[in-house]
Structure formats: C-alpha cells, structure tokens
Amino acid sequence: MNRKLAIFAAIVAAFSFASQSAQAGGGYHHDKKKLAVVAIGVGAASSAAFFALNNWRWNGWDTNGSGAGLTRLGAWGATTIGCAAVSPIVATVVLNRPLTMREAHVLVGSCVVPIVGGLVVNAVWDAHPEWEPGKPMHHGKMRHHKRKMM
C-alpha cells in the first residue's frame, strides 16, 4: 500500500511539473487554481511525511521505531516547516514566475493550518490592501483644489 501511495504521489508531481501554461495577454487568470493544487499537493506530501515518521501508524506515537527520536510535536513542526519552505518553491516552478507576497503567505498559511489557514491569510490580505508592495496607498477621498490666479 505504501509503495502504491508513493508511486501515485510521484506521478502527480511529475505531471504537475510537466504541464505548460499558456498566457494570452500576460494575464494570470488560472494561477489561483494552480496555487490551490500546489497547496494541496505539498500539504499531502507533508502529511505523508508526518505519518511516515510514525511508521504509518494512525494512533499513538512510535518512539522506539522509525520516529528518529522525534516526538509527535517535533514531527509536526518539522513537516510544517518543510511544507512552508517547499510550497513556495514548487509554486514558483509551476507558475514560472516569482510569487507575490500574498501568494507566498497564503501557501505558508495552508501549511500551518491546512485548508483554513490559506483562507484566513487571504481574508487578512483582502482587509489590508496597503500591504501589497508596489501599490499606491489611498487614504480616503482625494481633493484637488484649484489654484487662484493673482
């Protein structure tokens, strides 16, 4: 079973790297779907690594087996940090462009709290558009006054 799961994960990863994206007019209209696929794929690989550290046991923690001396919390931390490091790299390769700060933070949020983390980070970025680098800040209504000629 483990071998079949590993082969399936390798095939999915190979297809995600082999796909080419077409960009008409320079728009990135399919990037959200690709980012979601990257978040799901890397998150699944991270979860598989967590269970592999515990000898593929669902209940209890195998401290004497292949846990490599890690506690359950240590394994969670290691796989979360690995996911947070690898997911922006994979997304950059899949999208074939540098990620925005928002996209990278959403991917990292999805690693820390699966499914909900990315949604929360995205909502926070929606609430604070001034965080996006390169965008001018707008502080309310702009008023232009006419100069008086003397």
N, C-alpha and C. Protein backbone atom coordinates (compact mmCIF):
# COMPACT_ATOMS: atom_id res chain seq x y z
N MET A 1 0.83 -1.20 0.00
CA MET A 1 0.00 0.00 0.00
C MET A 1 0.87 1.26 0.00
N ASN A 2 1.94 1.23 0.82
CA ASN A 2 2.81 2.40 0.90
C ASN A 2 3.51 2.66 -0.43
N ARG A 3 3.90 1.59 -1.10
CA ARG A 3 4.56 1.74 -2.39
C ARG A 3 3.63 2.34 -3.42
N LYS A 4 2.37 1.89 -3.43
CA LYS A 4 1.39 2.42 -4.37
C LYS A 4 1.14 3.91 -4.11
N LEU A 5 1.07 4.30 -2.84
CA LEU A 5 0.87 5.70 -2.49
C LEU A 5 2.06 6.55 -2.93
N ALA A 6 3.26 6.04 -2.73
CA ALA A 6 4.45 6.78 -3.13
C ALA A 6 4.53 6.91 -4.65
N ILE A 7 4.18 5.86 -5.37
CA ILE A 7 4.20 5.92 -6.84
C ILE A 7 3.15 6.90 -7.33
N PHE A 8 1.96 6.87 -6.73
CA PHE A 8 0.90 7.81 -7.11
C PHE A 8 1.34 9.25 -6.86
N ALA A 9 1.96 9.52 -5.72
CA ALA A 9 2.43 10.88 -5.42
C ALA A 9 3.51 11.32 -6.41
N ALA A 10 4.39 10.40 -6.80
CA ALA A 10 5.43 10.74 -7.76
C ALA A 10 4.84 11.04 -9.13
N ILE A 11 3.82 10.30 -9.53
CA ILE A 11 3.17 10.56 -10.82
C ILE A 11 2.48 11.91 -10.82
N VAL A 12 1.78 12.23 -9.73
CA VAL A 12 1.10 13.52 -9.63
C VAL A 12 2.12 14.65 -9.69
N ALA A 13 3.24 14.51 -8.99
CA ALA A 13 4.28 15.54 -9.00
C ALA A 13 4.89 15.67 -10.40
N ALA A 14 5.10 14.56 -11.09
CA ALA A 14 5.68 14.62 -12.43
C ALA A 14 4.75 15.33 -13.40
N PHE A 15 3.45 15.05 -13.31
CA PHE A 15 2.51 15.73 -14.20
C PHE A 15 2.39 17.21 -13.88
N SER A 16 2.48 17.57 -12.62
CA SER A 16 2.36 19.00 -12.29
C SER A 16 3.56 19.78 -12.80
N PHE A 17 4.74 19.16 -12.84
CA PHE A 17 5.92 19.85 -13.37
C PHE A 17 5.97 19.82 -14.89
N ALA A 18 5.32 18.84 -15.51
CA ALA A 18 5.38 18.71 -16.96
C ALA A 18 4.39 19.61 -17.68
N SER A 19 3.38 20.10 -17.00
CA SER A 19 2.36 20.89 -17.68
C SER A 19 2.90 22.28 -18.01
N GLN A 20 2.53 22.75 -19.19
CA GLN A 20 2.94 24.08 -19.64
C GLN A 20 1.73 24.99 -19.56
N SER A 21 1.97 26.23 -19.20
CA SER A 21 0.86 27.17 -19.10
C SER A 21 0.92 28.14 -20.27
N ALA A 22 -0.25 28.46 -20.82
CA ALA A 22 -0.33 29.44 -21.90
C ALA A 22 -0.82 30.75 -21.30
N GLN A 23 -0.17 31.83 -21.67
CA GLN A 23 -0.56 33.14 -21.15
C GLN A 23 -0.91 34.04 -22.32
N ALA A 24 -2.18 34.30 -22.49
CA ALA A 24 -2.63 35.20 -23.54
C ALA A 24 -2.75 36.60 -22.96
N GLY A 25 -1.98 37.51 -23.47
CA GLY A 25 -2.08 38.89 -23.00
C GLY A 25 -1.42 39.12 -21.66
N GLY A 26 -0.65 38.18 -21.16
CA GLY A 26 0.06 38.37 -19.91
C GLY A 26 -0.81 38.23 -18.67
N GLY A 27 -2.04 37.81 -18.80
CA GLY A 27 -2.92 37.67 -17.63
C GLY A 27 -2.64 36.37 -16.90
N TYR A 28 -2.85 36.40 -15.62
CA TYR A 28 -2.63 35.21 -14.80
C TYR A 28 -3.98 34.76 -14.24
N HIS A 29 -4.90 34.36 -15.12
CA HIS A 29 -6.24 34.03 -14.67
C HIS A 29 -6.37 32.60 -14.15
N HIS A 30 -5.43 31.74 -14.41
CA HIS A 30 -5.52 30.37 -13.91
C HIS A 30 -4.58 30.13 -12.72
N ASP A 31 -3.95 31.17 -12.24
CA ASP A 31 -2.95 31.00 -11.19
C ASP A 31 -3.56 30.58 -9.85
N LYS A 32 -4.77 31.02 -9.55
CA LYS A 32 -5.39 30.64 -8.27
C LYS A 32 -5.61 29.13 -8.21
N LYS A 33 -6.04 28.56 -9.32
CA LYS A 33 -6.26 27.11 -9.35
C LYS A 33 -4.94 26.36 -9.20
N LYS A 34 -3.90 26.85 -9.88
CA LYS A 34 -2.60 26.20 -9.78
C LYS A 34 -2.03 26.31 -8.38
N LEU A 35 -2.22 27.47 -7.74
CA LEU A 35 -1.75 27.63 -6.36
C LEU A 35 -2.49 26.69 -5.41
N ALA A 36 -3.79 26.51 -5.64
CA ALA A 36 -4.56 25.59 -4.81
C ALA A 36 -4.06 24.16 -4.99
N VAL A 37 -3.74 23.78 -6.22
CA VAL A 37 -3.22 22.43 -6.47
C VAL A 37 -1.87 22.25 -5.79
N VAL A 38 -1.03 23.28 -5.87
CA VAL A 38 0.29 23.20 -5.20
C VAL A 38 0.11 23.07 -3.69
N ALA A 39 -0.79 23.87 -3.11
CA ALA A 39 -1.02 23.81 -1.67
C ALA A 39 -1.53 22.43 -1.26
N ILE A 40 -2.43 21.87 -2.04
CA ILE A 40 -2.96 20.54 -1.71
C ILE A 40 -1.88 19.47 -1.88
N GLY A 41 -1.12 19.54 -2.98
CA GLY A 41 -0.09 18.53 -3.23
C GLY A 41 1.02 18.54 -2.21
N VAL A 42 1.55 19.72 -1.90
CA VAL A 42 2.64 19.80 -0.93
C VAL A 42 2.10 19.49 0.47
N GLY A 43 0.88 19.90 0.77
CA GLY A 43 0.28 19.57 2.07
C GLY A 43 0.08 18.07 2.23
N ALA A 44 -0.34 17.41 1.16
CA ALA A 44 -0.50 15.95 1.21
C ALA A 44 0.85 15.26 1.39
N ALA A 45 1.86 15.76 0.71
CA ALA A 45 3.20 15.18 0.87
C ALA A 45 3.72 15.40 2.29
N SER A 46 3.42 16.56 2.86
CA SER A 46 3.83 16.85 4.23
C SER A 46 3.11 15.92 5.22
N SER A 47 1.83 15.70 4.98
CA SER A 47 1.08 14.77 5.84
C SER A 47 1.62 13.36 5.72
N ALA A 48 1.96 12.95 4.49
CA ALA A 48 2.55 11.62 4.29
C ALA A 48 3.88 11.50 5.02
N ALA A 49 4.68 12.56 5.00
CA ALA A 49 5.96 12.53 5.71
C ALA A 49 5.73 12.41 7.22
N PHE A 50 4.71 13.10 7.74
CA PHE A 50 4.39 13.01 9.17
C PHE A 50 4.06 11.58 9.56
N PHE A 51 3.19 10.93 8.75
CA PHE A 51 2.81 9.56 9.08
C PHE A 51 3.96 8.59 8.83
N ALA A 52 4.82 8.89 7.87
CA ALA A 52 5.98 8.03 7.63
C ALA A 52 6.93 8.06 8.82
N LEU A 53 7.04 9.21 9.47
CA LEU A 53 7.89 9.30 10.66
C LEU A 53 7.36 8.45 11.81
N ASN A 54 6.06 8.15 11.78
CA ASN A 54 5.45 7.35 12.84
C ASN A 54 5.20 5.91 12.39
N ASN A 55 5.95 5.43 11.43
CA ASN A 55 5.79 4.06 10.96
C ASN A 55 4.40 3.79 10.40
N TRP A 56 3.78 4.79 9.83
CA TRP A 56 2.45 4.72 9.21
C TRP A 56 1.37 4.28 10.20
N ARG A 57 1.56 4.62 11.46
CA ARG A 57 0.53 4.32 12.47
C ARG A 57 -0.32 5.55 12.68
N TRP A 58 -1.64 5.36 12.80
CA TRP A 58 -2.56 6.48 12.99
C TRP A 58 -2.74 6.82 14.45
N ASN A 59 -2.70 5.83 15.32
CA ASN A 59 -2.92 6.05 16.75
C ASN A 59 -1.62 5.82 17.51
N GLY A 60 -1.39 6.66 18.51
CA GLY A 60 -0.19 6.53 19.31
C GLY A 60 1.03 7.02 18.56
N TRP A 61 2.12 7.16 19.28
CA TRP A 61 3.36 7.60 18.66
C TRP A 61 4.43 6.57 18.91
N ASP A 62 5.09 6.15 17.86
CA ASP A 62 6.11 5.11 17.93
C ASP A 62 7.45 5.75 18.28
N THR A 63 7.77 5.81 19.59
CA THR A 63 9.03 6.44 19.99
C THR A 63 10.22 5.51 19.81
N ASN A 64 9.98 4.21 19.73
CA ASN A 64 11.08 3.26 19.59
C ASN A 64 11.35 2.88 18.14
N GLY A 65 10.43 3.18 17.25
CA GLY A 65 10.57 2.76 15.85
C GLY A 65 11.32 3.78 15.02
N SER A 66 10.74 4.10 13.90
CA SER A 66 11.43 4.98 12.95
C SER A 66 11.11 6.45 13.20
N GLY A 67 10.72 6.81 14.39
CA GLY A 67 10.42 8.21 14.70
C GLY A 67 11.64 9.09 14.71
N ALA A 68 12.80 8.52 14.57
CA ALA A 68 14.07 9.25 14.52
C ALA A 68 14.28 10.11 15.75
N GLY A 69 13.72 9.67 16.88
CA GLY A 69 13.89 10.41 18.12
C GLY A 69 13.01 11.64 18.24
N LEU A 70 12.06 11.80 17.34
CA LEU A 70 11.16 12.96 17.37
C LEU A 70 9.90 12.64 18.15
N THR A 71 9.42 13.62 18.87
CA THR A 71 8.10 13.48 19.48
C THR A 71 7.05 13.81 18.42
N ARG A 72 5.80 13.63 18.77
CA ARG A 72 4.72 13.96 17.83
C ARG A 72 4.75 15.44 17.47
N LEU A 73 4.96 16.29 18.47
CA LEU A 73 5.02 17.73 18.23
C LEU A 73 6.25 18.10 17.39
N GLY A 74 7.37 17.44 17.63
CA GLY A 74 8.57 17.68 16.84
C GLY A 74 8.38 17.28 15.38
N ALA A 75 7.71 16.15 15.16
CA ALA A 75 7.45 15.72 13.78
C ALA A 75 6.48 16.66 13.09
N TRP A 76 5.48 17.14 13.82
CA TRP A 76 4.54 18.12 13.25
C TRP A 76 5.29 19.40 12.88
N GLY A 77 6.16 19.87 13.77
CA GLY A 77 6.92 21.09 13.49
C GLY A 77 7.85 20.92 12.30
N ALA A 78 8.53 19.79 12.22
CA ALA A 78 9.46 19.55 11.12
C ALA A 78 8.74 19.48 9.79
N THR A 79 7.62 18.77 9.75
CA THR A 79 6.90 18.65 8.48
C THR A 79 6.21 19.96 8.11
N THR A 80 5.78 20.75 9.09
CA THR A 80 5.17 22.04 8.80
C THR A 80 6.22 23.01 8.25
N ILE A 81 7.39 23.04 8.85
CA ILE A 81 8.46 23.91 8.36
C ILE A 81 8.90 23.46 6.96
N GLY A 82 8.97 22.16 6.75
CA GLY A 82 9.31 21.65 5.42
C GLY A 82 8.28 22.04 4.38
N CYS A 83 7.01 21.94 4.74
CA CYS A 83 5.93 22.33 3.83
C CYS A 83 6.01 23.83 3.52
N ALA A 84 6.24 24.65 4.56
CA ALA A 84 6.31 26.10 4.37
C ALA A 84 7.51 26.49 3.52
N ALA A 85 8.57 25.71 3.56
CA ALA A 85 9.75 26.01 2.76
C ALA A 85 9.60 25.53 1.32
N VAL A 86 8.97 24.37 1.13
CA VAL A 86 8.90 23.76 -0.19
C VAL A 86 7.75 24.31 -1.03
N SER A 87 6.61 24.62 -0.43
CA SER A 87 5.44 25.03 -1.23
C SER A 87 5.68 26.29 -2.06
N PRO A 88 6.33 27.37 -1.55
CA PRO A 88 6.61 28.49 -2.45
C PRO A 88 7.58 28.15 -3.57
N ILE A 89 8.51 27.24 -3.31
CA ILE A 89 9.45 26.83 -4.35
C ILE A 89 8.71 26.09 -5.47
N VAL A 90 7.86 25.15 -5.08
CA VAL A 90 7.09 24.39 -6.07
C VAL A 90 6.15 25.32 -6.84
N ALA A 91 5.50 26.26 -6.14
CA ALA A 91 4.58 27.18 -6.81
C ALA A 91 5.32 28.07 -7.80
N THR A 92 6.52 28.50 -7.47
CA THR A 92 7.31 29.31 -8.40
C THR A 92 7.65 28.52 -9.66
N VAL A 93 7.98 27.25 -9.50
CA VAL A 93 8.30 26.41 -10.65
C VAL A 93 7.05 26.16 -11.50
N VAL A 94 5.92 25.87 -10.84
CA VAL A 94 4.68 25.58 -11.57
C VAL A 94 4.18 26.82 -12.31
N LEU A 95 4.21 27.98 -11.66
CA LEU A 95 3.70 29.21 -12.28
C LEU A 95 4.70 29.83 -13.25
N ASN A 96 5.96 29.47 -13.14
CA ASN A 96 7.01 30.00 -13.99
C ASN A 96 7.13 31.52 -13.87
N ARG A 97 6.98 32.01 -12.67
CA ARG A 97 7.14 33.44 -12.37
C ARG A 97 7.35 33.58 -10.87
N PRO A 98 7.90 34.72 -10.42
CA PRO A 98 8.04 34.93 -8.98
C PRO A 98 6.66 35.08 -8.32
N LEU A 99 6.55 34.60 -7.12
CA LEU A 99 5.29 34.73 -6.38
C LEU A 99 5.17 36.13 -5.78
N THR A 100 3.94 36.57 -5.59
CA THR A 100 3.72 37.79 -4.85
C THR A 100 3.80 37.46 -3.36
N MET A 101 3.93 38.48 -2.54
CA MET A 101 3.98 38.25 -1.09
C MET A 101 2.69 37.58 -0.62
N ARG A 102 1.57 38.00 -1.17
CA ARG A 102 0.28 37.44 -0.79
C ARG A 102 0.22 35.95 -1.11
N GLU A 103 0.64 35.55 -2.30
CA GLU A 103 0.60 34.15 -2.69
C GLU A 103 1.49 33.30 -1.79
N ALA A 104 2.68 33.79 -1.47
CA ALA A 104 3.59 33.04 -0.60
C ALA A 104 3.01 32.90 0.80
N HIS A 105 2.41 33.97 1.32
CA HIS A 105 1.83 33.89 2.66
C HIS A 105 0.63 32.95 2.70
N VAL A 106 -0.18 32.93 1.65
CA VAL A 106 -1.31 32.02 1.61
C VAL A 106 -0.82 30.57 1.60
N LEU A 107 0.24 30.29 0.86
CA LEU A 107 0.79 28.93 0.83
C LEU A 107 1.33 28.52 2.20
N VAL A 108 2.03 29.43 2.87
CA VAL A 108 2.56 29.11 4.20
C VAL A 108 1.42 28.93 5.20
N GLY A 109 0.39 29.77 5.10
CA GLY A 109 -0.78 29.62 5.98
C GLY A 109 -1.46 28.28 5.78
N SER A 110 -1.49 27.81 4.54
CA SER A 110 -2.09 26.49 4.27
C SER A 110 -1.26 25.36 4.85
N CYS A 111 0.02 25.59 5.04
CA CYS A 111 0.86 24.57 5.67
C CYS A 111 0.67 24.52 7.18
N VAL A 112 0.51 25.69 7.80
CA VAL A 112 0.39 25.74 9.26
C VAL A 112 -0.96 25.19 9.71
N VAL A 113 -2.04 25.67 9.08
CA VAL A 113 -3.38 25.18 9.39
C VAL A 113 -4.00 24.75 8.06
N PRO A 114 -3.99 23.46 7.76
CA PRO A 114 -4.48 23.01 6.45
C PRO A 114 -5.91 23.47 6.17
N ILE A 115 -6.18 23.81 4.94
CA ILE A 115 -7.44 24.26 4.37
C ILE A 115 -7.83 25.63 4.90
N VAL A 116 -7.96 25.79 6.19
CA VAL A 116 -8.46 27.04 6.77
C VAL A 116 -7.38 28.12 6.79
N GLY A 117 -6.12 27.75 6.98
CA GLY A 117 -5.04 28.73 7.10
C GLY A 117 -4.90 29.63 5.90
N GLY A 118 -4.93 29.05 4.70
CA GLY A 118 -4.83 29.85 3.49
C GLY A 118 -6.01 30.79 3.31
N LEU A 119 -7.19 30.33 3.68
CA LEU A 119 -8.39 31.18 3.57
C LEU A 119 -8.31 32.35 4.54
N VAL A 120 -7.83 32.11 5.74
CA VAL A 120 -7.71 33.18 6.74
C VAL A 120 -6.67 34.21 6.29
N VAL A 121 -5.52 33.74 5.81
CA VAL A 121 -4.48 34.65 5.35
C VAL A 121 -4.97 35.47 4.17
N ASN A 122 -5.71 34.85 3.25
CA ASN A 122 -6.27 35.57 2.11
C ASN A 122 -7.26 36.64 2.56
N ALA A 123 -8.08 36.33 3.57
CA ALA A 123 -9.04 37.31 4.09
C ALA A 123 -8.32 38.48 4.76
N VAL A 124 -7.23 38.20 5.45
CA VAL A 124 -6.45 39.27 6.09
C VAL A 124 -5.84 40.18 5.03
N TRP A 125 -5.33 39.59 3.94
CA TRP A 125 -4.77 40.42 2.85
C TRP A 125 -5.87 41.24 2.17
N ASP A 126 -7.09 40.68 2.07
CA ASP A 126 -8.20 41.45 1.50
C ASP A 126 -8.53 42.65 2.38
N ALA A 127 -8.41 42.47 3.68
CA ALA A 127 -8.73 43.56 4.62
C ALA A 127 -7.65 44.63 4.64
N HIS A 128 -6.44 44.30 4.21
CA HIS A 128 -5.32 45.25 4.23
C HIS A 128 -4.64 45.32 2.86
N PRO A 129 -5.25 45.97 1.89
CA PRO A 129 -4.62 46.05 0.57
C PRO A 129 -3.35 46.89 0.56
N GLU A 130 -3.13 47.69 1.60
CA GLU A 130 -1.92 48.52 1.64
C GLU A 130 -0.66 47.68 1.88
N TRP A 131 -0.81 46.43 2.26
CA TRP A 131 0.34 45.57 2.48
C TRP A 131 0.97 45.12 1.17
N GLU A 132 0.22 45.15 0.10
CA GLU A 132 0.74 44.71 -1.20
C GLU A 132 1.81 45.68 -1.68
N PRO A 133 3.06 45.22 -1.85
CA PRO A 133 4.11 46.14 -2.28
C PRO A 133 3.87 46.61 -3.71
N GLY A 134 4.21 47.88 -3.93
CA GLY A 134 4.09 48.44 -5.27
C GLY A 134 2.75 49.08 -5.57
N LYS A 135 1.80 48.93 -4.69
CA LYS A 135 0.50 49.55 -4.92
C LYS A 135 0.44 50.85 -4.12
N PRO A 136 -0.03 51.93 -4.74
CA PRO A 136 -0.10 53.19 -4.01
C PRO A 136 -1.14 53.13 -2.90
N MET A 137 -0.81 53.77 -1.79
CA MET A 137 -1.74 53.80 -0.67
C MET A 137 -2.74 54.92 -0.88
N HIS A 138 -3.99 54.65 -0.58
CA HIS A 138 -5.06 55.62 -0.75
C HIS A 138 -5.68 55.88 0.61
N HIS A 139 -5.58 57.11 1.07
CA HIS A 139 -6.08 57.46 2.41
C HIS A 139 -7.37 58.27 2.28
N GLY A 140 -8.39 57.67 1.84
CA GLY A 140 -9.68 58.36 1.76
C GLY A 140 -9.84 59.11 0.45
N LYS A 141 -10.76 60.05 0.45
CA LYS A 141 -11.11 60.79 -0.75
C LYS A 141 -10.04 61.82 -1.07
N MET A 142 -9.63 61.87 -2.31
CA MET A 142 -8.63 62.85 -2.73
C MET A 142 -9.33 64.11 -3.21
N ARG A 143 -8.84 65.23 -2.74
CA ARG A 143 -9.44 66.50 -3.12
C ARG A 143 -8.40 67.33 -3.86
N HIS A 144 -8.80 67.84 -5.00
CA HIS A 144 -7.93 68.70 -5.78
C HIS A 144 -8.50 70.11 -5.72
N HIS A 145 -7.68 71.03 -5.32
CA HIS A 145 -8.11 72.43 -5.22
C HIS A 145 -7.53 73.19 -6.40
N LYS A 146 -8.35 74.08 -6.90
CA LYS A 146 -7.88 74.94 -7.98
C LYS A 146 -7.01 76.05 -7.42
N ARG A 147 -5.97 76.36 -8.14
CA ARG A 147 -5.10 77.45 -7.70
C ARG A 147 -5.72 78.77 -8.11
N LYS A 148 -5.64 79.68 -7.24
CA LYS A 148 -6.17 81.00 -7.53
C LYS A 148 -5.09 81.82 -8.22
N MET A 149 -5.49 82.48 -9.30
CA MET A 149 -4.56 83.33 -10.04
C MET A 149 -4.59 84.72 -9.43
N MET A 150 -3.47 85.31 -9.24
CA MET A 150 -3.40 86.67 -8.69
C MET A 150 -3.10 87.66 -9.73
